[in-house]
Amino acid sequence: MASRFMRRAIAGERGVFSLKGLPFGSYYVVALDRVPDDGSDAWQDPEFLAALVQNATTLTVRDGQSQTIDLRPVTR
C-alpha cells in the first residue's frame, strides 16, 4: 500500500537515512532493529504502527525543509 504520508527507509552503515517528498505536517519517527517479516507490507499494519507510537519521536516537517534527528532503535 503506497501512501504519501508513510515512508520506510533503510539506514546505511553509519545509520544515516533520508526521506524525501513528505508533505507539510507532523509525523511519528521511529528506528527499528527489524520490521515484521510476515509480508512486504506488514510494517504498515495499523496494530503494529499503533504499538510503535509510544516509542516514536514526533517531527514536524515544513515544505522544502531538511532536518536531522538522532534515533535509537526500538527492539520489536
PDB file of N, CA and C in Angstrom:
ATOM      1  N   MET A   1       0.849  -1.171   0.000  1.00  0.00           N
ATOM      2  CA  MET A   1       0.000   0.000   0.000  1.00  0.00           C
ATOM      3  C   MET A   1       0.899   1.240   0.000  1.00  0.00           C
ATOM      4  N   ALA A   2       0.784   2.059  -0.994  1.00  0.00           N
ATOM      5  CA  ALA A   2       1.590   3.271  -1.082  1.00  0.00           C
ATOM      6  C   ALA A   2       0.841   4.435  -0.430  1.00  0.00           C
ATOM      7  N   SER A   3       1.579   5.250   0.295  1.00  0.00           N
ATOM      8  CA  SER A   3       0.990   6.422   0.944  1.00  0.00           C
ATOM      9  C   SER A   3       2.003   7.553   0.911  1.00  0.00           C
ATOM     10  N   ARG A   4       1.547   8.729   0.622  1.00  0.00           N
ATOM     11  CA  ARG A   4       2.468   9.862   0.645  1.00  0.00           C
ATOM     12  C   ARG A   4       2.757  10.329   2.067  1.00  0.00           C
ATOM     13  N   PHE A   5       2.061   9.754   3.069  1.00  0.00           N
ATOM     14  CA  PHE A   5       2.255  10.135   4.461  1.00  0.00           C
ATOM     15  C   PHE A   5       3.058   9.113   5.258  1.00  0.00           C
ATOM     16  N   MET A   6       3.363   7.977   4.658  1.00  0.00           N
ATOM     17  CA  MET A   6       4.131   6.936   5.350  1.00  0.00           C
ATOM     18  C   MET A   6       5.330   6.569   4.494  1.00  0.00           C
ATOM     19  N   ARG A   7       6.475   6.433   5.145  1.00  0.00           N
ATOM     20  CA  ARG A   7       7.683   6.041   4.432  1.00  0.00           C
ATOM     21  C   ARG A   7       8.460   5.041   5.264  1.00  0.00           C
ATOM     22  N   ARG A   8       9.225   4.258   4.579  1.00  0.00           N
ATOM     23  CA  ARG A   8      10.155   3.321   5.211  1.00  0.00           C
ATOM     24  C   ARG A   8      11.502   3.560   4.558  1.00  0.00           C
ATOM     25  N   ALA A   9      12.533   3.702   5.375  1.00  0.00           N
ATOM     26  CA  ALA A   9      13.886   3.898   4.861  1.00  0.00           C
ATOM     27  C   ALA A   9      14.820   2.942   5.581  1.00  0.00           C
ATOM     28  N   ILE A  10      15.819   2.489   4.889  1.00  0.00           N
ATOM     29  CA  ILE A  10      16.821   1.619   5.489  1.00  0.00           C
ATOM     30  C   ILE A  10      18.089   2.439   5.681  1.00  0.00           C
ATOM     31  N   ALA A  11      18.578   2.439   6.906  1.00  0.00           N
ATOM     32  CA  ALA A  11      19.785   3.214   7.231  1.00  0.00           C
ATOM     33  C   ALA A  11      21.015   2.532   6.647  1.00  0.00           C
ATOM     34  N   GLY A  12      21.973   3.356   6.266  1.00  0.00           N
ATOM     35  CA  GLY A  12      23.240   2.848   5.754  1.00  0.00           C
ATOM     36  C   GLY A  12      24.168   2.430   6.891  1.00  0.00           C
ATOM     37  N   GLU A  13      25.394   2.134   6.546  1.00  0.00           N
ATOM     38  CA  GLU A  13      26.400   1.675   7.515  1.00  0.00           C
ATOM     39  C   GLU A  13      26.532   2.585   8.728  1.00  0.00           C
ATOM     40  N   ARG A  14      26.494   3.870   8.504  1.00  0.00           N
ATOM     41  CA  ARG A  14      26.663   4.826   9.595  1.00  0.00           C
ATOM     42  C   ARG A  14      25.341   5.204  10.259  1.00  0.00           C
ATOM     43  N   GLY A  15      24.262   4.523   9.882  1.00  0.00           N
ATOM     44  CA  GLY A  15      22.966   4.784  10.495  1.00  0.00           C
ATOM     45  C   GLY A  15      22.231   5.970   9.919  1.00  0.00           C
ATOM     46  N   VAL A  16      22.667   6.470   8.778  1.00  0.00           N
ATOM     47  CA  VAL A  16      22.061   7.648   8.166  1.00  0.00           C
ATOM     48  C   VAL A  16      20.996   7.206   7.159  1.00  0.00           C
ATOM     49  N   PHE A  17      19.877   7.910   7.172  1.00  0.00           N
ATOM     50  CA  PHE A  17      18.828   7.654   6.190  1.00  0.00           C
ATOM     51  C   PHE A  17      18.235   8.984   5.758  1.00  0.00           C
ATOM     52  N   SER A  18      17.515   8.965   4.646  1.00  0.00           N
ATOM     53  CA  SER A  18      16.915  10.175   4.117  1.00  0.00           C
ATOM     54  C   SER A  18      15.529   9.856   3.575  1.00  0.00           C
ATOM     55  N   LEU A  19      14.590  10.741   3.824  1.00  0.00           N
ATOM     56  CA  LEU A  19      13.241  10.636   3.275  1.00  0.00           C
ATOM     57  C   LEU A  19      12.947  11.929   2.540  1.00  0.00           C
ATOM     58  N   LYS A  20      12.389  11.806   1.349  1.00  0.00           N
ATOM     59  CA  LYS A  20      12.095  12.994   0.552  1.00  0.00           C
ATOM     60  C   LYS A  20      10.633  12.996   0.139  1.00  0.00           C
ATOM     61  N   GLY A  21      10.110  14.182  -0.085  1.00  0.00           N
ATOM     62  CA  GLY A  21       8.780  14.324  -0.633  1.00  0.00           C
ATOM     63  C   GLY A  21       7.630  14.214   0.360  1.00  0.00           C
ATOM     64  N   LEU A  22       7.919  14.319   1.652  1.00  0.00           N
ATOM     65  CA  LEU A  22       6.829  14.300   2.630  1.00  0.00           C
ATOM     66  C   LEU A  22       6.128  15.651   2.629  1.00  0.00           C
ATOM     67  N   PRO A  23       4.803  15.659   2.598  1.00  0.00           N
ATOM     68  CA  PRO A  23       4.093  16.931   2.666  1.00  0.00           C
ATOM     69  C   PRO A  23       4.193  17.533   4.067  1.00  0.00           C
ATOM     70  N   PHE A  24       3.952  18.837   4.157  1.00  0.00           N
ATOM     71  CA  PHE A  24       3.951  19.545   5.437  1.00  0.00           C
ATOM     72  C   PHE A  24       3.083  18.793   6.433  1.00  0.00           C
ATOM     73  N   GLY A  25       3.576  18.657   7.662  1.00  0.00           N
ATOM     74  CA  GLY A  25       2.786  18.016   8.705  1.00  0.00           C
ATOM     75  C   GLY A  25       3.657  17.481   9.815  1.00  0.00           C
ATOM     76  N   SER A  26       3.018  16.917  10.819  1.00  0.00           N
ATOM     77  CA  SER A  26       3.715  16.281  11.941  1.00  0.00           C
ATOM     78  C   SER A  26       3.688  14.781  11.739  1.00  0.00           C
ATOM     79  N   TYR A  27       4.809  14.142  12.038  1.00  0.00           N
ATOM     80  CA  TYR A  27       4.977  12.711  11.807  1.00  0.00           C
ATOM     81  C   TYR A  27       5.577  12.040  13.038  1.00  0.00           C
ATOM     82  N   TYR A  28       5.275  10.771  13.189  1.00  0.00           N
ATOM     83  CA  TYR A  28       5.963   9.931  14.156  1.00  0.00           C
ATOM     84  C   TYR A  28       7.136   9.297  13.435  1.00  0.00           C
ATOM     85  N   VAL A  29       8.304   9.313  14.083  1.00  0.00           N
ATOM     86  CA  VAL A  29       9.509   8.723  13.506  1.00  0.00           C
ATOM     87  C   VAL A  29      10.059   7.719  14.508  1.00  0.00           C
ATOM     88  N   VAL A  30      10.373   6.530  14.041  1.00  0.00           N
ATOM     89  CA  VAL A  30      10.913   5.501  14.920  1.00  0.00           C
ATOM     90  C   VAL A  30      11.932   4.672  14.147  1.00  0.00           C
ATOM     91  N   ALA A  31      12.992   4.283  14.828  1.00  0.00           N
ATOM     92  CA  ALA A  31      14.001   3.392  14.244  1.00  0.00           C
ATOM     93  C   ALA A  31      13.769   1.999  14.817  1.00  0.00           C
ATOM     94  N   LEU A  32      13.756   1.007  13.952  1.00  0.00           N
ATOM     95  CA  LEU A  32      13.547  -0.372  14.374  1.00  0.00           C
ATOM     96  C   LEU A  32      14.773  -1.212  14.048  1.00  0.00           C
ATOM     97  N   ASP A  33      15.054  -2.188  14.894  1.00  0.00           N
ATOM     98  CA  ASP A  33      16.151  -3.089  14.591  1.00  0.00           C
ATOM     99  C   ASP A  33      15.758  -4.057  13.479  1.00  0.00           C
ATOM    100  N   ARG A  34      14.457  -4.283  13.316  1.00  0.00           N
ATOM    101  CA  ARG A  34      13.943  -5.076  12.194  1.00  0.00           C
ATOM    102  C   ARG A  34      12.443  -4.807  12.056  1.00  0.00           C
ATOM    103  N   VAL A  35      11.927  -5.030  10.868  1.00  0.00           N
ATOM    104  CA  VAL A  35      10.492  -4.871  10.616  1.00  0.00           C
ATOM    105  C   VAL A  35       9.848  -6.254  10.604  1.00  0.00           C
ATOM    106  N   PRO A  36       8.535  -6.323  10.743  1.00  0.00           N
ATOM    107  CA  PRO A  36       7.876  -7.627  10.711  1.00  0.00           C
ATOM    108  C   PRO A  36       8.210  -8.359   9.416  1.00  0.00           C
ATOM    109  N   ASP A  37       8.406  -9.658   9.507  1.00  0.00           N
ATOM    110  CA  ASP A  37       8.797 -10.413   8.317  1.00  0.00           C
ATOM    111  C   ASP A  37       7.659 -11.246   7.734  1.00  0.00           C
ATOM    112  N   ASP A  38       6.430 -10.904   8.091  1.00  0.00           N
ATOM    113  CA  ASP A  38       5.294 -11.650   7.562  1.00  0.00           C
ATOM    114  C   ASP A  38       4.615 -10.910   6.406  1.00  0.00           C
ATOM    115  N   GLY A  39       5.403 -10.578   5.384  1.00  0.00           N
ATOM    116  CA  GLY A  39       4.898  -9.912   4.190  1.00  0.00           C
ATOM    117  C   GLY A  39       5.533  -8.552   3.998  1.00  0.00           C
ATOM    118  N   SER A  40       5.646  -8.142   2.749  1.00  0.00           N
ATOM    119  CA  SER A  40       6.340  -6.886   2.440  1.00  0.00           C
ATOM    120  C   SER A  40       5.618  -5.647   2.972  1.00  0.00           C
ATOM    121  N   ASP A  41       4.305  -5.746   3.192  1.00  0.00           N
ATOM    122  CA  ASP A  41       3.549  -4.607   3.718  1.00  0.00           C
ATOM    123  C   ASP A  41       3.221  -4.741   5.199  1.00  0.00           C
ATOM    124  N   ALA A  42       3.786  -5.738   5.879  1.00  0.00           N
ATOM    125  CA  ALA A  42       3.463  -5.992   7.288  1.00  0.00           C
ATOM    126  C   ALA A  42       3.788  -4.800   8.175  1.00  0.00           C
ATOM    127  N   TRP A  43       4.791  -4.005   7.809  1.00  0.00           N
ATOM    128  CA  TRP A  43       5.169  -2.848   8.617  1.00  0.00           C
ATOM    129  C   TRP A  43       4.080  -1.771   8.603  1.00  0.00           C
ATOM    130  N   GLN A  44       3.129  -1.853   7.675  1.00  0.00           N
ATOM    131  CA  GLN A  44       2.050  -0.872   7.583  1.00  0.00           C
ATOM    132  C   GLN A  44       0.785  -1.313   8.313  1.00  0.00           C
ATOM    133  N   ASP A  45       0.819  -2.442   9.002  1.00  0.00           N
ATOM    134  CA  ASP A  45      -0.332  -2.939   9.744  1.00  0.00           C
ATOM    135  C   ASP A  45      -0.706  -1.926  10.828  1.00  0.00           C
ATOM    136  N   PRO A  46      -1.974  -1.509  10.880  1.00  0.00           N
ATOM    137  CA  PRO A  46      -2.387  -0.497  11.868  1.00  0.00           C
ATOM    138  C   PRO A  46      -2.060  -0.862  13.318  1.00  0.00           C
ATOM    139  N   GLU A  47      -2.209  -2.104  13.697  1.00  0.00           N
ATOM    140  CA  GLU A  47      -1.895  -2.509  15.075  1.00  0.00           C
ATOM    141  C   GLU A  47      -0.396  -2.404  15.352  1.00  0.00           C
ATOM    142  N   PHE A  48       0.413  -2.803  14.393  1.00  0.00           N
ATOM    143  CA  PHE A  48       1.872  -2.693  14.543  1.00  0.00           C
ATOM    144  C   PHE A  48       2.266  -1.224  14.691  1.00  0.00           C
ATOM    145  N   LEU A  49       1.731  -0.365  13.833  1.00  0.00           N
ATOM    146  CA  LEU A  49       2.062   1.064  13.889  1.00  0.00           C
ATOM    147  C   LEU A  49       1.595   1.701  15.193  1.00  0.00           C
ATOM    148  N   ALA A  50       0.407   1.347  15.658  1.00  0.00           N
ATOM    149  CA  ALA A  50      -0.110   1.903  16.915  1.00  0.00           C
ATOM    150  C   ALA A  50       0.802   1.542  18.084  1.00  0.00           C
ATOM    151  N   ALA A  51       1.366   0.336  18.062  1.00  0.00           N
ATOM    152  CA  ALA A  51       2.261  -0.095  19.138  1.00  0.00           C
ATOM    153  C   ALA A  51       3.577   0.685  19.126  1.00  0.00           C
ATOM    154  N   LEU A  52       3.953   1.237  17.983  1.00  0.00           N
ATOM    155  CA  LEU A  52       5.209   1.986  17.875  1.00  0.00           C
ATOM    156  C   LEU A  52       5.112   3.414  18.413  1.00  0.00           C
ATOM    157  N   VAL A  53       3.919   3.962  18.462  1.00  0.00           N
ATOM    158  CA  VAL A  53       3.732   5.369  18.826  1.00  0.00           C
ATOM    159  C   VAL A  53       4.360   5.712  20.170  1.00  0.00           C
ATOM    160  N   GLN A  54       4.262   4.846  21.151  1.00  0.00           N
ATOM    161  CA  GLN A  54       4.798   5.153  22.484  1.00  0.00           C
ATOM    162  C   GLN A  54       6.316   5.328  22.475  1.00  0.00           C
ATOM    163  N   ASN A  55       7.009   4.773  21.493  1.00  0.00           N
ATOM    164  CA  ASN A  55       8.472   4.901  21.403  1.00  0.00           C
ATOM    165  C   ASN A  55       8.921   5.850  20.296  1.00  0.00           C
ATOM    166  N   ALA A  56       7.979   6.490  19.637  1.00  0.00           N
ATOM    167  CA  ALA A  56       8.300   7.326  18.481  1.00  0.00           C
ATOM    168  C   ALA A  56       8.663   8.754  18.888  1.00  0.00           C
ATOM    169  N   THR A  57       9.412   9.397  18.031  1.00  0.00           N
ATOM    170  CA  THR A  57       9.728  10.814  18.147  1.00  0.00           C
ATOM    171  C   THR A  57       8.785  11.563  17.207  1.00  0.00           C
ATOM    172  N   THR A  58       8.231  12.678  17.657  1.00  0.00           N
ATOM    173  CA  THR A  58       7.363  13.483  16.797  1.00  0.00           C
ATOM    174  C   THR A  58       8.215  14.525  16.086  1.00  0.00           C
ATOM    175  N   LEU A  59       8.006  14.637  14.788  1.00  0.00           N
ATOM    176  CA  LEU A  59       8.787  15.558  13.965  1.00  0.00           C
ATOM    177  C   LEU A  59       7.828  16.333  13.070  1.00  0.00           C
ATOM    178  N   THR A  60       7.956  17.657  13.056  1.00  0.00           N
ATOM    179  CA  THR A  60       7.142  18.476  12.162  1.00  0.00           C
ATOM    180  C   THR A  60       7.992  18.878  10.968  1.00  0.00           C
ATOM    181  N   VAL A  61       7.456  18.618   9.787  1.00  0.00           N
ATOM    182  CA  VAL A  61       8.159  18.898   8.532  1.00  0.00           C
ATOM    183  C   VAL A  61       7.435  20.024   7.813  1.00  0.00           C
ATOM    184  N   ARG A  62       8.207  20.988   7.350  1.00  0.00           N
ATOM    185  CA  ARG A  62       7.660  22.072   6.547  1.00  0.00           C
ATOM    186  C   ARG A  62       8.147  21.895   5.111  1.00  0.00           C
ATOM    187  N   ASP A  63       7.451  22.463   4.157  1.00  0.00           N
ATOM    188  CA  ASP A  63       7.820  22.317   2.751  1.00  0.00           C
ATOM    189  C   ASP A  63       9.265  22.733   2.504  1.00  0.00           C
ATOM    190  N   GLY A  64      10.016  21.873   1.840  1.00  0.00           N
ATOM    191  CA  GLY A  64      11.403  22.168   1.478  1.00  0.00           C
ATOM    192  C   GLY A  64      12.388  22.107   2.625  1.00  0.00           C
ATOM    193  N   GLN A  65      11.952  21.730   3.791  1.00  0.00           N
ATOM    194  CA  GLN A  65      12.812  21.728   4.971  1.00  0.00           C
ATOM    195  C   GLN A  65      13.630  20.442   5.058  1.00  0.00           C
ATOM    196  N   SER A  66      14.844  20.578   5.560  1.00  0.00           N
ATOM    197  CA  SER A  66      15.710  19.433   5.831  1.00  0.00           C
ATOM    198  C   SER A  66      15.983  19.409   7.329  1.00  0.00           C
ATOM    199  N   GLN A  67      15.871  18.228   7.947  1.00  0.00           N
ATOM    200  CA  GLN A  67      16.093  18.112   9.380  1.00  0.00           C
ATOM    201  C   GLN A  67      16.981  16.912   9.685  1.00  0.00           C
ATOM    202  N   THR A  68      17.648  16.984  10.821  1.00  0.00           N
ATOM    203  CA  THR A  68      18.460  15.882  11.317  1.00  0.00           C
ATOM    204  C   THR A  68      17.958  15.539  12.711  1.00  0.00           C
ATOM    205  N   ILE A  69      17.761  14.232  12.958  1.00  0.00           N
ATOM    206  CA  ILE A  69      17.349  13.789  14.289  1.00  0.00           C
ATOM    207  C   ILE A  69      18.170  12.548  14.658  1.00  0.00           C
ATOM    208  N   ASP A  70      18.351  12.344  15.947  1.00  0.00           N
ATOM    209  CA  ASP A  70      19.030  11.155  16.451  1.00  0.00           C
ATOM    210  C   ASP A  70      17.966  10.196  16.981  1.00  0.00           C
ATOM    211  N   LEU A  71      18.059   8.937  16.557  1.00  0.00           N
ATOM    212  CA  LEU A  71      17.113   7.916  16.999  1.00  0.00           C
ATOM    213  C   LEU A  71      17.875   6.713  17.526  1.00  0.00           C
ATOM    214  N   ARG A  72      17.301   6.047  18.485  1.00  0.00           N
ATOM    215  CA  ARG A  72      17.825   4.784  18.999  1.00  0.00           C
ATOM    216  C   ARG A  72      16.862   3.697  18.552  1.00  0.00           C
ATOM    217  N   PRO A  73      17.349   2.577  18.041  1.00  0.00           N
ATOM    218  CA  PRO A  73      16.446   1.519  17.570  1.00  0.00           C
ATOM    219  C   PRO A  73      15.572   0.947  18.694  1.00  0.00           C
ATOM    220  N   VAL A  74      14.334   0.696  18.338  1.00  0.00           N
ATOM    221  CA  VAL A  74      13.372   0.051  19.214  1.00  0.00           C
ATOM    222  C   VAL A  74      13.398  -1.434  18.870  1.00  0.00           C
ATOM    223  N   THR A  75      13.527  -2.269  19.873  1.00  0.00           N
ATOM    224  CA  THR A  75      13.516  -3.711  19.643  1.00  0.00           C
ATOM    225  C   THR A  75      12.084  -4.198  19.646  1.00  0.00           C
ATOM    226  N   ARG A  76      11.676  -4.866  18.609  1.00  0.00           N
ATOM    227  CA  ARG A  76      10.298  -5.390  18.495  1.00  0.00           C
ATOM    228  C   ARG A  76      10.333  -6.890  18.454  1.00  0.00           C
TER     229      ARG A  76
END
